[in-house]
C-alpha atoms as a PDB file:
ATOM      1  CA  MET A   1      83.211 108.679 121.934  1.00  0.00           C
ATOM      2  CA  PRO A   2      86.125 106.276 121.523  1.00  0.00           C
ATOM      3  CA  TRP A   3      85.872 103.273 119.244  1.00  0.00           C
ATOM      4  CA  SER A   4      86.337  99.670 120.286  1.00  0.00           C
ATOM      5  CA  ALA A   5      87.958  96.871 118.322  1.00  0.00           C
ATOM      6  CA  GLU A   6      84.519  95.336 117.691  1.00  0.00           C
ATOM      7  CA  GLU A   7      83.543  98.412 115.651  1.00  0.00           C
ATOM      8  CA  ALA A   8      86.469  98.124 113.242  1.00  0.00           C
ATOM      9  CA  GLU A   9      84.828  95.685 110.815  1.00  0.00           C
ATOM     10  CA  ARG A  10      81.917  98.074 110.400  1.00  0.00           C
ATOM     11  CA  HIS A  11      84.362 100.632 108.990  1.00  0.00           C
ATOM     12  CA  THR A  12      86.745  98.395 107.030  1.00  0.00           C
ATOM     13  CA  HIS A  13      86.504  94.773 105.953  1.00  0.00           C
ATOM     14  CA  ARG A  14      90.293  94.499 106.002  1.00  0.00           C
ATOM     15  CA  ALA A  15      90.387  94.488 109.802  1.00  0.00           C
ATOM     16  CA  ASN A  16      89.764  90.753 109.749  1.00  0.00           C
ATOM     17  CA  THR A  17      91.916  89.616 112.669  1.00  0.00           C
ATOM     18  CA  PRO A  18      91.721  90.546 116.359  1.00  0.00           C
ATOM     19  CA  GLU A  19      95.132  92.215 116.099  1.00  0.00           C
ATOM     20  CA  LEU A  20      94.106  94.399 113.153  1.00  0.00           C
ATOM     21  CA  ARG A  21      90.826  95.334 114.859  1.00  0.00           C
ATOM     22  CA  GLU A  22      92.691  96.381 118.015  1.00  0.00           C
ATOM     23  CA  LEU A  23      95.173  98.376 115.948  1.00  0.00           C
ATOM     24  CA  TRP A  24      92.350 100.056 114.005  1.00  0.00           C
ATOM     25  CA  ALA A  25      90.679 101.175 117.244  1.00  0.00           C
ATOM     26  CA  LYS A  26      93.968 102.409 118.706  1.00  0.00           C
ATOM     27  CA  ILE A  27      94.815 104.473 115.629  1.00  0.00           C
ATOM     28  CA  ALA A  28      91.302 105.880 115.269  1.00  0.00           C
ATOM     29  CA  ASN A  29      91.107 106.872 118.931  1.00  0.00           C
ATOM     30  CA  GLU A  30      94.558 108.467 118.931  1.00  0.00           C
ATOM     31  CA  CYS A  31      93.734 110.489 115.815  1.00  0.00           C
ATOM     32  CA  LEU A  32      90.377 111.532 117.267  1.00  0.00           C
ATOM     33  CA  ALA A  33      92.088 112.733 120.438  1.00  0.00           C
ATOM     34  CA  ARG A  34      94.695 114.604 118.405  1.00  0.00           C
ATOM     35  CA  THR A  35      92.396 116.241 115.842  1.00  0.00           C
ATOM     36  CA  GLY A  36      88.843 116.021 117.146  1.00  0.00           C
ATOM     37  CA  ASP A  37      87.717 114.975 113.649  1.00  0.00           C
ATOM     38  CA  GLU A  38      85.887 111.629 113.563  1.00  0.00           C
ATOM     39  CA  GLY A  39      85.966 111.352 109.766  1.00  0.00           C
ATOM     40  CA  ARG A  40      89.686 111.909 109.632  1.00  0.00           C
ATOM     41  CA  ALA A  41      90.245 109.407 112.439  1.00  0.00           C
ATOM     42  CA  ILE A  42      88.347 106.712 110.541  1.00  0.00           C
ATOM     43  CA  ARG A  43      90.154 107.490 107.279  1.00  0.00           C
ATOM     44  CA  GLU A  44      93.590 107.362 108.914  1.00  0.00           C
ATOM     45  CA  ALA A  45      92.848 104.077 110.675  1.00  0.00           C
ATOM     46  CA  ASN A  46      91.457 102.576 107.463  1.00  0.00           C
ATOM     47  CA  ALA A  47      94.530 103.663 105.516  1.00  0.00           C
ATOM     48  CA  VAL A  48      96.937 102.041 107.977  1.00  0.00           C
ATOM     49  CA  ILE A  49      94.970  98.791 108.047  1.00  0.00           C
ATOM     50  CA  ALA A  50      94.743  98.727 104.238  1.00  0.00           C
ATOM     51  CA  ARG A  51      98.509  99.236 103.965  1.00  0.00           C
ATOM     52  CA  LEU A  52      99.191  96.431 106.436  1.00  0.00           C
ATOM     53  CA  ALA A  53      96.735  94.100 104.692  1.00  0.00           C
ATOM     54  CA  ARG A  54      98.511  94.667 101.351  1.00  0.00           C
ATOM     55  CA  GLN A  55     101.892  93.896 102.929  1.00  0.00           C
ATOM     56  CA  ALA A  56     100.735  90.740 104.715  1.00  0.00           C
ATOM     57  CA  PRO A  57     101.985  87.470 103.245  1.00  0.00           C
ATOM     58  CA  ARG A  58      99.261  85.464 101.591  1.00  0.00           C
ATOM     59  CA  GLY A  59      98.962  81.783 101.891  1.00  0.00           C
END
């Protein structure tokens, strides 16, 4: 079952903007389609969002 952007915050608190939530869902769904592994899909999406959150300018 594919994930929606609304489900992103349940899996990572760093997906705190609509853009990051959409990106999280896109990455998770693409990984799920590629591997069939839900756990891996969530981990990969979380890792990308965490990396982007660390790089984002603060202010």
